[in-house]
Amino acid sequence: MITEATDAALARSAAEGDDKAFAVLVGRHKEPLYRLLRRYTGDSDEAYEAAHEAFISAWAALKRYDPNRSFGAWLRTIAVNKVRDRGRRKLVRRVIFGSKNLDDADVLEKADPAAGAEEEVLQDEQAKRLDRAVSRLPSALKEALILTAFEGLSQQEAAQMLGVSVKTIETRVYRARKILVERLEPDMRPGVA
């Protein structure tokens, strides 16, 4: 049955033109990929667009996929590169059109007080603060933190994916956590809104 096939077998079938095999791969990987990109960008719409672009690029590059490598890691590499490309394009637009912050329109929606209990709203706000803080980390630190702390990759897997040493990943995760603590600690004090 196609849904029980390995990612490598599905990728091989998809590379030979089997649309259903690729659909199964998309189904398996869309949620974790979106979560990664959501944390990376701090913006749900941008994450959705980057995930879409990553799947399109993966489809086009299936013949180059190495079945000895994790399909998920390969796909995440493509996705992170798409986000980097999008960031470079934004930077070019800022340089061309001036220093106006083009992200001002991307203001997060405020929670509807009628939507649920006060605790749920508080947790949602804390999650949004964390997402914003993570998205503002320098790229190298953000990538290492997201891949290990949020996506559950080992430091070895993250190092392979990013093309750096395990010690580099360890250092980057340490620095990212230190920055997050410094940025979020004032918000966690009682009486601070």
N, C-alpha and C. Protein backbone atom coordinates (compact mmCIF):
# COMPACT_ATOMS: atom_id res chain seq x y z
N MET A 1 0.84 -1.19 0.00
CA MET A 1 0.00 0.00 0.00
C MET A 1 0.88 1.25 0.00
N ILE A 2 0.52 2.22 -0.78
CA ILE A 2 1.36 3.40 -0.99
C ILE A 2 1.58 4.20 0.30
N THR A 3 0.59 4.27 1.18
CA THR A 3 0.73 5.06 2.40
C THR A 3 1.70 4.43 3.39
N GLU A 4 2.04 3.15 3.21
CA GLU A 4 2.97 2.48 4.11
C GLU A 4 4.39 2.45 3.55
N ALA A 5 4.60 2.95 2.36
CA ALA A 5 5.92 2.96 1.73
C ALA A 5 6.84 3.94 2.46
N THR A 6 8.14 3.68 2.37
CA THR A 6 9.10 4.59 2.98
C THR A 6 9.16 5.89 2.18
N ASP A 7 9.69 6.92 2.81
CA ASP A 7 9.86 8.19 2.11
C ASP A 7 10.74 8.03 0.88
N ALA A 8 11.80 7.23 1.01
CA ALA A 8 12.72 7.03 -0.12
C ALA A 8 12.00 6.36 -1.29
N ALA A 9 11.18 5.35 -1.00
CA ALA A 9 10.44 4.65 -2.05
C ALA A 9 9.42 5.60 -2.70
N LEU A 10 8.77 6.40 -1.87
CA LEU A 10 7.79 7.36 -2.40
C LEU A 10 8.48 8.41 -3.27
N ALA A 11 9.63 8.89 -2.82
CA ALA A 11 10.37 9.89 -3.60
C ALA A 11 10.81 9.31 -4.94
N ARG A 12 11.23 8.05 -4.93
CA ARG A 12 11.65 7.40 -6.17
C ARG A 12 10.45 7.29 -7.13
N SER A 13 9.29 6.89 -6.60
CA SER A 13 8.08 6.79 -7.44
C SER A 13 7.65 8.15 -7.95
N ALA A 14 7.72 9.14 -7.07
CA ALA A 14 7.32 10.50 -7.47
C ALA A 14 8.26 11.03 -8.55
N ALA A 15 9.55 10.73 -8.44
CA ALA A 15 10.51 11.17 -9.45
C ALA A 15 10.22 10.56 -10.81
N GLU A 16 9.57 9.40 -10.79
CA GLU A 16 9.19 8.72 -12.03
C GLU A 16 7.82 9.17 -12.53
N GLY A 17 7.23 10.16 -11.85
CA GLY A 17 5.98 10.75 -12.31
C GLY A 17 4.74 10.36 -11.54
N ASP A 18 4.87 9.66 -10.43
CA ASP A 18 3.71 9.22 -9.64
C ASP A 18 3.26 10.37 -8.72
N ASP A 19 2.21 11.07 -9.14
CA ASP A 19 1.69 12.20 -8.37
C ASP A 19 1.17 11.77 -7.00
N LYS A 20 0.57 10.58 -6.94
CA LYS A 20 0.02 10.10 -5.67
C LYS A 20 1.12 9.87 -4.64
N ALA A 21 2.26 9.38 -5.08
CA ALA A 21 3.38 9.17 -4.16
C ALA A 21 3.84 10.50 -3.58
N PHE A 22 3.90 11.53 -4.42
CA PHE A 22 4.31 12.83 -3.91
C PHE A 22 3.25 13.40 -2.96
N ALA A 23 1.99 13.16 -3.26
CA ALA A 23 0.92 13.62 -2.37
C ALA A 23 1.05 12.99 -0.99
N VAL A 24 1.45 11.73 -0.94
CA VAL A 24 1.65 11.07 0.35
C VAL A 24 2.82 11.73 1.10
N LEU A 25 3.90 12.03 0.38
CA LEU A 25 5.04 12.73 0.99
C LEU A 25 4.62 14.09 1.54
N VAL A 26 3.85 14.82 0.77
CA VAL A 26 3.37 16.13 1.22
C VAL A 26 2.53 15.95 2.48
N GLY A 27 1.63 14.98 2.48
CA GLY A 27 0.79 14.72 3.64
C GLY A 27 1.60 14.39 4.89
N ARG A 28 2.66 13.64 4.72
CA ARG A 28 3.51 13.26 5.86
C ARG A 28 4.30 14.43 6.41
N HIS A 29 4.73 15.33 5.54
CA HIS A 29 5.71 16.34 5.96
C HIS A 29 5.16 17.76 6.05
N LYS A 30 3.93 18.00 5.65
CA LYS A 30 3.46 19.39 5.61
C LYS A 30 3.34 20.02 7.00
N GLU A 31 2.82 19.29 7.97
CA GLU A 31 2.66 19.88 9.31
C GLU A 31 4.00 20.17 9.98
N PRO A 32 4.93 19.20 10.04
CA PRO A 32 6.21 19.52 10.67
C PRO A 32 6.98 20.63 9.92
N LEU A 33 6.86 20.64 8.61
CA LEU A 33 7.54 21.67 7.83
C LEU A 33 6.94 23.04 8.12
N TYR A 34 5.61 23.12 8.18
CA TYR A 34 4.96 24.38 8.49
C TYR A 34 5.36 24.87 9.89
N ARG A 35 5.37 23.95 10.88
CA ARG A 35 5.77 24.33 12.23
C ARG A 35 7.18 24.91 12.25
N LEU A 36 8.10 24.25 11.55
CA LEU A 36 9.47 24.73 11.46
C LEU A 36 9.49 26.14 10.89
N LEU A 37 8.81 26.34 9.78
CA LEU A 37 8.84 27.64 9.11
C LEU A 37 8.10 28.71 9.90
N ARG A 38 7.06 28.32 10.62
CA ARG A 38 6.31 29.26 11.45
C ARG A 38 7.21 29.79 12.56
N ARG A 39 7.96 28.89 13.15
CA ARG A 39 8.88 29.31 14.20
C ARG A 39 10.04 30.11 13.62
N TYR A 40 10.46 29.73 12.47
CA TYR A 40 11.60 30.40 11.84
C TYR A 40 11.25 31.83 11.44
N THR A 41 10.07 32.01 10.84
CA THR A 41 9.69 33.33 10.34
C THR A 41 8.92 34.16 11.35
N GLY A 42 8.21 33.52 12.26
CA GLY A 42 7.36 34.25 13.19
C GLY A 42 6.08 34.75 12.54
N ASP A 43 5.79 34.28 11.33
CA ASP A 43 4.62 34.75 10.59
C ASP A 43 3.95 33.57 9.88
N SER A 44 2.68 33.34 10.18
CA SER A 44 1.99 32.18 9.63
C SER A 44 1.83 32.25 8.11
N ASP A 45 1.52 33.42 7.58
CA ASP A 45 1.35 33.54 6.13
C ASP A 45 2.68 33.31 5.39
N GLU A 46 3.74 33.90 5.91
CA GLU A 46 5.04 33.73 5.28
C GLU A 46 5.48 32.26 5.37
N ALA A 47 5.19 31.63 6.50
CA ALA A 47 5.53 30.21 6.67
C ALA A 47 4.77 29.35 5.66
N TYR A 48 3.50 29.65 5.47
CA TYR A 48 2.69 28.89 4.52
C TYR A 48 3.24 29.04 3.10
N GLU A 49 3.56 30.27 2.72
CA GLU A 49 4.10 30.52 1.38
C GLU A 49 5.44 29.84 1.18
N ALA A 50 6.30 29.90 2.19
CA ALA A 50 7.62 29.27 2.08
C ALA A 50 7.48 27.75 2.00
N ALA A 51 6.54 27.18 2.75
CA ALA A 51 6.31 25.73 2.69
C ALA A 51 5.84 25.34 1.30
N HIS A 52 4.94 26.12 0.75
CA HIS A 52 4.43 25.86 -0.59
C HIS A 52 5.58 25.90 -1.61
N GLU A 53 6.41 26.92 -1.51
CA GLU A 53 7.56 27.03 -2.42
C GLU A 53 8.52 25.86 -2.24
N ALA A 54 8.70 25.42 -1.00
CA ALA A 54 9.61 24.30 -0.74
C ALA A 54 9.10 23.02 -1.39
N PHE A 55 7.80 22.76 -1.30
CA PHE A 55 7.25 21.55 -1.92
C PHE A 55 7.36 21.61 -3.45
N ILE A 56 7.15 22.78 -4.01
CA ILE A 56 7.29 22.94 -5.46
C ILE A 56 8.74 22.67 -5.87
N SER A 57 9.67 23.23 -5.12
CA SER A 57 11.09 23.01 -5.43
C SER A 57 11.49 21.56 -5.24
N ALA A 58 10.96 20.93 -4.18
CA ALA A 58 11.26 19.52 -3.93
C ALA A 58 10.75 18.66 -5.09
N TRP A 59 9.56 18.95 -5.56
CA TRP A 59 8.98 18.20 -6.69
C TRP A 59 9.90 18.31 -7.90
N ALA A 60 10.37 19.53 -8.16
CA ALA A 60 11.23 19.75 -9.32
C ALA A 60 12.61 19.11 -9.17
N ALA A 61 13.05 18.89 -7.92
CA ALA A 61 14.39 18.37 -7.68
C ALA A 61 14.41 16.91 -7.25
N LEU A 62 13.31 16.22 -7.34
CA LEU A 62 13.23 14.83 -6.86
C LEU A 62 14.28 13.91 -7.46
N LYS A 63 14.63 14.13 -8.70
CA LYS A 63 15.63 13.26 -9.34
C LYS A 63 17.00 13.41 -8.70
N ARG A 64 17.23 14.52 -7.99
CA ARG A 64 18.52 14.75 -7.32
C ARG A 64 18.49 14.31 -5.85
N TYR A 65 17.35 13.87 -5.35
CA TYR A 65 17.24 13.44 -3.96
C TYR A 65 18.05 12.16 -3.74
N ASP A 66 18.84 12.14 -2.69
CA ASP A 66 19.64 10.98 -2.31
C ASP A 66 18.84 10.13 -1.33
N PRO A 67 18.39 8.94 -1.73
CA PRO A 67 17.55 8.11 -0.86
C PRO A 67 18.25 7.62 0.40
N ASN A 68 19.56 7.79 0.48
CA ASN A 68 20.28 7.42 1.70
C ASN A 68 20.18 8.51 2.76
N ARG A 69 19.63 9.64 2.38
CA ARG A 69 19.46 10.77 3.27
C ARG A 69 17.99 10.86 3.69
N SER A 70 17.72 11.38 4.85
CA SER A 70 16.34 11.56 5.31
C SER A 70 15.60 12.53 4.39
N PHE A 71 14.43 12.11 3.91
CA PHE A 71 13.64 13.00 3.05
C PHE A 71 13.24 14.25 3.83
N GLY A 72 12.86 14.07 5.10
CA GLY A 72 12.46 15.22 5.92
C GLY A 72 13.58 16.24 6.06
N ALA A 73 14.79 15.76 6.30
CA ALA A 73 15.94 16.69 6.42
C ALA A 73 16.20 17.39 5.10
N TRP A 74 16.11 16.64 4.00
CA TRP A 74 16.31 17.23 2.67
C TRP A 74 15.27 18.32 2.42
N LEU A 75 14.02 18.03 2.75
CA LEU A 75 12.94 18.98 2.54
C LEU A 75 13.12 20.21 3.44
N ARG A 76 13.52 20.01 4.70
CA ARG A 76 13.75 21.14 5.60
C ARG A 76 14.87 22.03 5.09
N THR A 77 15.90 21.43 4.51
CA THR A 77 16.99 22.22 3.94
C THR A 77 16.47 23.11 2.82
N ILE A 78 15.66 22.54 1.96
CA ILE A 78 15.06 23.33 0.86
C ILE A 78 14.22 24.46 1.45
N ALA A 79 13.41 24.15 2.45
CA ALA A 79 12.51 25.14 3.04
C ALA A 79 13.28 26.29 3.70
N VAL A 80 14.31 25.96 4.46
CA VAL A 80 15.12 27.00 5.11
C VAL A 80 15.78 27.88 4.05
N ASN A 81 16.23 27.28 2.97
CA ASN A 81 16.81 28.07 1.89
C ASN A 81 15.77 28.99 1.26
N LYS A 82 14.53 28.53 1.14
CA LYS A 82 13.47 29.38 0.60
C LYS A 82 13.24 30.58 1.50
N VAL A 83 13.24 30.37 2.82
CA VAL A 83 13.05 31.48 3.75
C VAL A 83 14.22 32.46 3.64
N ARG A 84 15.42 31.94 3.53
CA ARG A 84 16.59 32.82 3.36
C ARG A 84 16.45 33.64 2.08
N ASP A 85 16.03 32.99 1.00
CA ASP A 85 15.83 33.71 -0.27
C ASP A 85 14.79 34.81 -0.11
N ARG A 86 13.70 34.50 0.57
CA ARG A 86 12.65 35.50 0.79
C ARG A 86 13.20 36.67 1.61
N GLY A 87 14.04 36.37 2.60
CA GLY A 87 14.65 37.42 3.41
C GLY A 87 15.57 38.31 2.59
N ARG A 88 16.33 37.69 1.70
CA ARG A 88 17.21 38.49 0.83
C ARG A 88 16.38 39.39 -0.08
N ARG A 89 15.28 38.86 -0.61
CA ARG A 89 14.43 39.69 -1.48
C ARG A 89 13.85 40.87 -0.71
N LYS A 90 13.44 40.64 0.55
CA LYS A 90 12.92 41.73 1.37
C LYS A 90 13.99 42.79 1.60
N LEU A 91 15.21 42.33 1.86
CA LEU A 91 16.31 43.26 2.08
C LEU A 91 16.57 44.10 0.84
N VAL A 92 16.54 43.48 -0.33
CA VAL A 92 16.74 44.22 -1.57
C VAL A 92 15.64 45.26 -1.75
N ARG A 93 14.39 44.87 -1.45
CA ARG A 93 13.28 45.84 -1.56
C ARG A 93 13.48 47.01 -0.60
N ARG A 94 13.96 46.70 0.63
CA ARG A 94 14.20 47.78 1.59
C ARG A 94 15.28 48.73 1.09
N VAL A 95 16.33 48.17 0.51
CA VAL A 95 17.42 49.00 -0.01
C VAL A 95 16.90 49.86 -1.16
N ILE A 96 16.11 49.26 -2.04
CA ILE A 96 15.61 49.99 -3.21
C ILE A 96 14.58 51.04 -2.83
N PHE A 97 13.65 50.67 -1.93
CA PHE A 97 12.54 51.57 -1.61
C PHE A 97 12.77 52.39 -0.35
N GLY A 98 13.92 52.30 0.24
CA GLY A 98 14.21 53.08 1.44
C GLY A 98 14.18 52.21 2.68
N SER A 99 14.40 52.85 3.82
CA SER A 99 14.54 52.12 5.07
C SER A 99 13.21 51.85 5.77
N LYS A 100 12.10 52.19 5.15
CA LYS A 100 10.80 51.94 5.75
C LYS A 100 10.67 50.45 6.06
N ASN A 101 10.20 50.17 7.24
CA ASN A 101 10.04 48.77 7.66
C ASN A 101 8.85 48.17 6.94
N LEU A 102 9.12 47.25 6.05
CA LEU A 102 8.07 46.63 5.26
C LEU A 102 7.28 45.59 6.04
N ASP A 103 7.70 45.30 7.25
CA ASP A 103 7.01 44.29 8.04
C ASP A 103 5.95 44.90 8.95
N ASP A 104 5.78 46.23 8.97
CA ASP A 104 4.83 46.87 9.86
C ASP A 104 3.40 46.36 9.65
N ALA A 105 3.07 45.96 8.44
CA ALA A 105 1.72 45.48 8.17
C ALA A 105 1.51 44.09 8.74
N ASP A 106 2.57 43.43 9.16
CA ASP A 106 2.47 42.06 9.67
C ASP A 106 2.25 42.04 11.18
N VAL A 107 1.36 42.89 11.66
CA VAL A 107 1.07 42.95 13.08
C VAL A 107 0.23 41.74 13.47
N LEU A 108 0.62 41.12 14.56
CA LEU A 108 -0.14 39.95 15.02
C LEU A 108 -1.52 40.35 15.50
N GLU A 109 -2.49 39.48 15.24
CA GLU A 109 -3.86 39.74 15.68
C GLU A 109 -3.92 39.67 17.19
N LYS A 110 -4.77 40.54 17.77
CA LYS A 110 -4.95 40.51 19.21
C LYS A 110 -5.97 39.44 19.54
N ALA A 111 -5.77 38.80 20.68
CA ALA A 111 -6.68 37.73 21.09
C ALA A 111 -8.06 38.30 21.41
N ASP A 112 -9.09 37.60 21.03
CA ASP A 112 -10.46 37.98 21.32
C ASP A 112 -10.77 37.54 22.75
N PRO A 113 -11.07 38.49 23.67
CA PRO A 113 -11.30 38.10 25.05
C PRO A 113 -12.47 37.13 25.20
N ALA A 114 -13.41 37.15 24.29
CA ALA A 114 -14.55 36.26 24.38
C ALA A 114 -14.23 34.86 23.85
N ALA A 115 -13.06 34.67 23.28
CA ALA A 115 -12.73 33.40 22.65
C ALA A 115 -12.47 32.28 23.64
N GLY A 116 -12.13 32.58 24.87
CA GLY A 116 -11.87 31.49 25.81
C GLY A 116 -11.49 32.03 27.16
N ALA A 117 -11.00 31.16 27.99
CA ALA A 117 -10.63 31.52 29.34
C ALA A 117 -9.41 32.43 29.34
N GLU A 118 -9.27 33.17 30.41
CA GLU A 118 -8.15 34.11 30.55
C GLU A 118 -6.81 33.38 30.47
N GLU A 119 -6.73 32.19 31.02
CA GLU A 119 -5.50 31.41 30.99
C GLU A 119 -5.09 31.07 29.55
N GLU A 120 -6.06 30.72 28.73
CA GLU A 120 -5.79 30.38 27.33
C GLU A 120 -5.24 31.60 26.58
N VAL A 121 -5.81 32.76 26.85
CA VAL A 121 -5.35 33.98 26.22
C VAL A 121 -3.92 34.30 26.67
N LEU A 122 -3.64 34.11 27.96
CA LEU A 122 -2.30 34.36 28.48
C LEU A 122 -1.29 33.42 27.83
N GLN A 123 -1.62 32.14 27.73
CA GLN A 123 -0.72 31.18 27.10
C GLN A 123 -0.50 31.51 25.63
N ASP A 124 -1.57 31.94 24.95
CA ASP A 124 -1.45 32.32 23.54
C ASP A 124 -0.51 33.51 23.38
N GLU A 125 -0.64 34.49 24.26
CA GLU A 125 0.24 35.66 24.20
C GLU A 125 1.69 35.28 24.48
N GLN A 126 1.91 34.37 25.44
CA GLN A 126 3.26 33.93 25.74
C GLN A 126 3.85 33.18 24.54
N ALA A 127 3.03 32.38 23.88
CA ALA A 127 3.50 31.66 22.69
C ALA A 127 3.85 32.64 21.58
N LYS A 128 3.04 33.67 21.41
CA LYS A 128 3.32 34.68 20.39
C LYS A 128 4.61 35.44 20.70
N ARG A 129 4.81 35.76 21.98
CA ARG A 129 6.05 36.43 22.38
C ARG A 129 7.26 35.56 22.08
N LEU A 130 7.14 34.27 22.39
CA LEU A 130 8.24 33.35 22.11
C LEU A 130 8.49 33.26 20.61
N ASP A 131 7.43 33.11 19.82
CA ASP A 131 7.58 33.04 18.36
C ASP A 131 8.26 34.30 17.82
N ARG A 132 7.82 35.47 18.31
CA ARG A 132 8.43 36.73 17.85
C ARG A 132 9.90 36.80 18.25
N ALA A 133 10.19 36.39 19.49
CA ALA A 133 11.58 36.44 19.96
C ALA A 133 12.46 35.48 19.17
N VAL A 134 11.96 34.29 18.90
CA VAL A 134 12.72 33.33 18.11
C VAL A 134 12.94 33.85 16.70
N SER A 135 11.90 34.43 16.10
CA SER A 135 12.03 34.90 14.72
C SER A 135 13.03 36.05 14.60
N ARG A 136 13.31 36.75 15.70
CA ARG A 136 14.25 37.89 15.67
C ARG A 136 15.69 37.48 15.96
N LEU A 137 15.91 36.21 16.27
CA LEU A 137 17.28 35.75 16.51
C LEU A 137 18.08 35.83 15.21
N PRO A 138 19.40 36.00 15.31
CA PRO A 138 20.23 35.90 14.10
C PRO A 138 20.02 34.53 13.44
N SER A 139 20.04 34.49 12.13
CA SER A 139 19.72 33.27 11.37
C SER A 139 20.45 32.03 11.86
N ALA A 140 21.73 32.13 12.06
CA ALA A 140 22.51 30.95 12.46
C ALA A 140 22.03 30.40 13.80
N LEU A 141 21.73 31.28 14.75
CA LEU A 141 21.26 30.83 16.06
C LEU A 141 19.84 30.28 15.97
N LYS A 142 19.00 30.98 15.20
CA LYS A 142 17.61 30.58 15.04
C LYS A 142 17.52 29.19 14.42
N GLU A 143 18.28 28.95 13.37
CA GLU A 143 18.24 27.65 12.69
C GLU A 143 18.61 26.52 13.64
N ALA A 144 19.69 26.69 14.37
CA ALA A 144 20.15 25.64 15.28
C ALA A 144 19.12 25.38 16.38
N LEU A 145 18.55 26.44 16.95
CA LEU A 145 17.57 26.29 18.01
C LEU A 145 16.30 25.61 17.52
N ILE A 146 15.78 26.07 16.41
CA ILE A 146 14.53 25.50 15.89
C ILE A 146 14.69 24.03 15.56
N LEU A 147 15.78 23.71 14.89
CA LEU A 147 15.97 22.32 14.48
C LEU A 147 16.13 21.37 15.66
N THR A 148 16.81 21.81 16.71
CA THR A 148 17.04 20.92 17.85
C THR A 148 15.94 21.01 18.89
N ALA A 149 15.62 22.20 19.34
CA ALA A 149 14.66 22.36 20.44
C ALA A 149 13.21 22.18 20.03
N PHE A 150 12.85 22.65 18.85
CA PHE A 150 11.46 22.59 18.43
C PHE A 150 11.15 21.42 17.51
N GLU A 151 12.06 21.10 16.62
CA GLU A 151 11.82 20.02 15.66
C GLU A 151 12.36 18.67 16.11
N GLY A 152 13.10 18.64 17.20
CA GLY A 152 13.54 17.39 17.78
C GLY A 152 14.69 16.70 17.07
N LEU A 153 15.40 17.41 16.21
CA LEU A 153 16.57 16.81 15.57
C LEU A 153 17.70 16.72 16.59
N SER A 154 18.55 15.74 16.43
CA SER A 154 19.74 15.66 17.27
C SER A 154 20.70 16.75 16.81
N GLN A 155 21.67 17.06 17.65
CA GLN A 155 22.66 18.05 17.25
C GLN A 155 23.44 17.56 16.03
N GLN A 156 23.67 16.27 15.95
CA GLN A 156 24.37 15.68 14.80
C GLN A 156 23.56 15.89 13.52
N GLU A 157 22.24 15.63 13.58
CA GLU A 157 21.39 15.81 12.39
C GLU A 157 21.34 17.27 11.97
N ALA A 158 21.21 18.16 12.96
CA ALA A 158 21.17 19.59 12.65
C ALA A 158 22.50 20.05 12.04
N ALA A 159 23.59 19.54 12.57
CA ALA A 159 24.91 19.89 12.05
C ALA A 159 25.05 19.45 10.60
N GLN A 160 24.60 18.23 10.30
CA GLN A 160 24.65 17.74 8.92
C GLN A 160 23.81 18.61 8.00
N MET A 161 22.62 18.90 8.46
CA MET A 161 21.70 19.68 7.63
C MET A 161 22.25 21.07 7.32
N LEU A 162 22.89 21.69 8.32
CA LEU A 162 23.39 23.05 8.14
C LEU A 162 24.84 23.10 7.66
N GLY A 163 25.48 21.94 7.59
CA GLY A 163 26.85 21.90 7.10
C GLY A 163 27.87 22.48 8.06
N VAL A 164 27.64 22.29 9.36
CA VAL A 164 28.56 22.78 10.38
C VAL A 164 28.89 21.65 11.34
N SER A 165 29.77 21.91 12.29
CA SER A 165 30.14 20.88 13.26
C SER A 165 29.09 20.78 14.37
N VAL A 166 29.10 19.67 15.09
CA VAL A 166 28.19 19.47 16.22
C VAL A 166 28.48 20.51 17.29
N LYS A 167 29.74 20.82 17.52
CA LYS A 167 30.12 21.83 18.52
C LYS A 167 29.55 23.20 18.15
N THR A 168 29.53 23.51 16.86
CA THR A 168 28.95 24.77 16.40
C THR A 168 27.46 24.82 16.73
N ILE A 169 26.76 23.71 16.50
CA ILE A 169 25.33 23.64 16.83
C ILE A 169 25.14 23.83 18.33
N GLU A 170 25.94 23.15 19.12
CA GLU A 170 25.84 23.25 20.58
C GLU A 170 26.02 24.71 21.03
N THR A 171 27.02 25.37 20.48
CA THR A 171 27.30 26.76 20.83
C THR A 171 26.15 27.67 20.39
N ARG A 172 25.65 27.45 19.19
CA ARG A 172 24.57 28.30 18.68
C ARG A 172 23.29 28.14 19.51
N VAL A 173 22.98 26.91 19.89
CA VAL A 173 21.78 26.67 20.71
C VAL A 173 21.95 27.35 22.07
N TYR A 174 23.12 27.23 22.66
CA TYR A 174 23.39 27.88 23.95
C TYR A 174 23.19 29.40 23.84
N ARG A 175 23.78 29.99 22.80
CA ARG A 175 23.68 31.46 22.62
C ARG A 175 22.23 31.87 22.35
N ALA A 176 21.52 31.09 21.54
CA ALA A 176 20.12 31.42 21.24
C ALA A 176 19.28 31.41 22.51
N ARG A 177 19.47 30.38 23.33
CA ARG A 177 18.69 30.30 24.58
C ARG A 177 19.03 31.45 25.52
N LYS A 178 20.29 31.81 25.57
CA LYS A 178 20.71 32.92 26.43
C LYS A 178 20.04 34.22 25.98
N ILE A 179 20.02 34.47 24.69
CA ILE A 179 19.37 35.68 24.15
C ILE A 179 17.88 35.66 24.45
N LEU A 180 17.24 34.51 24.27
CA LEU A 180 15.81 34.41 24.53
C LEU A 180 15.49 34.69 25.99
N VAL A 181 16.28 34.16 26.89
CA VAL A 181 16.07 34.41 28.32
C VAL A 181 16.17 35.90 28.59
N GLU A 182 17.20 36.55 28.04
CA GLU A 182 17.38 37.99 28.24
C GLU A 182 16.21 38.79 27.69
N ARG A 183 15.70 38.38 26.54
CA ARG A 183 14.61 39.13 25.90
C ARG A 183 13.26 38.86 26.55
N LEU A 184 13.04 37.64 27.00
CA LEU A 184 11.72 37.28 27.53
C LEU A 184 11.60 37.44 29.02
N GLU A 185 12.70 37.47 29.73
CA GLU A 185 12.65 37.56 31.19
C GLU A 185 11.87 38.78 31.69
N PRO A 186 12.08 39.98 31.12
CA PRO A 186 11.30 41.14 31.60
C PRO A 186 9.80 40.93 31.42
N ASP A 187 9.38 40.23 30.37
CA ASP A 187 7.95 40.00 30.13
C ASP A 187 7.36 39.00 31.11
N MET A 188 8.19 38.20 31.75
CA MET A 188 7.70 37.16 32.65
C MET A 188 7.57 37.66 34.08
N ARG A 189 8.08 38.86 34.38
CA ARG A 189 7.97 39.39 35.74
C ARG A 189 6.52 39.75 36.05
N PRO A 190 6.08 39.52 37.29
CA PRO A 190 4.71 39.87 37.66
C PRO A 190 4.47 41.36 37.47
N GLY A 191 3.29 41.69 36.98
CA GLY A 191 2.91 43.08 36.79
C GLY A 191 3.38 43.69 35.49
N VAL A 192 4.12 42.94 34.69
CA VAL A 192 4.58 43.46 33.40
C VAL A 192 3.64 42.96 32.33
N ALA A 193 3.12 43.88 31.54
CA ALA A 193 2.18 43.47 30.48
C ALA A 193 2.88 43.27 29.19
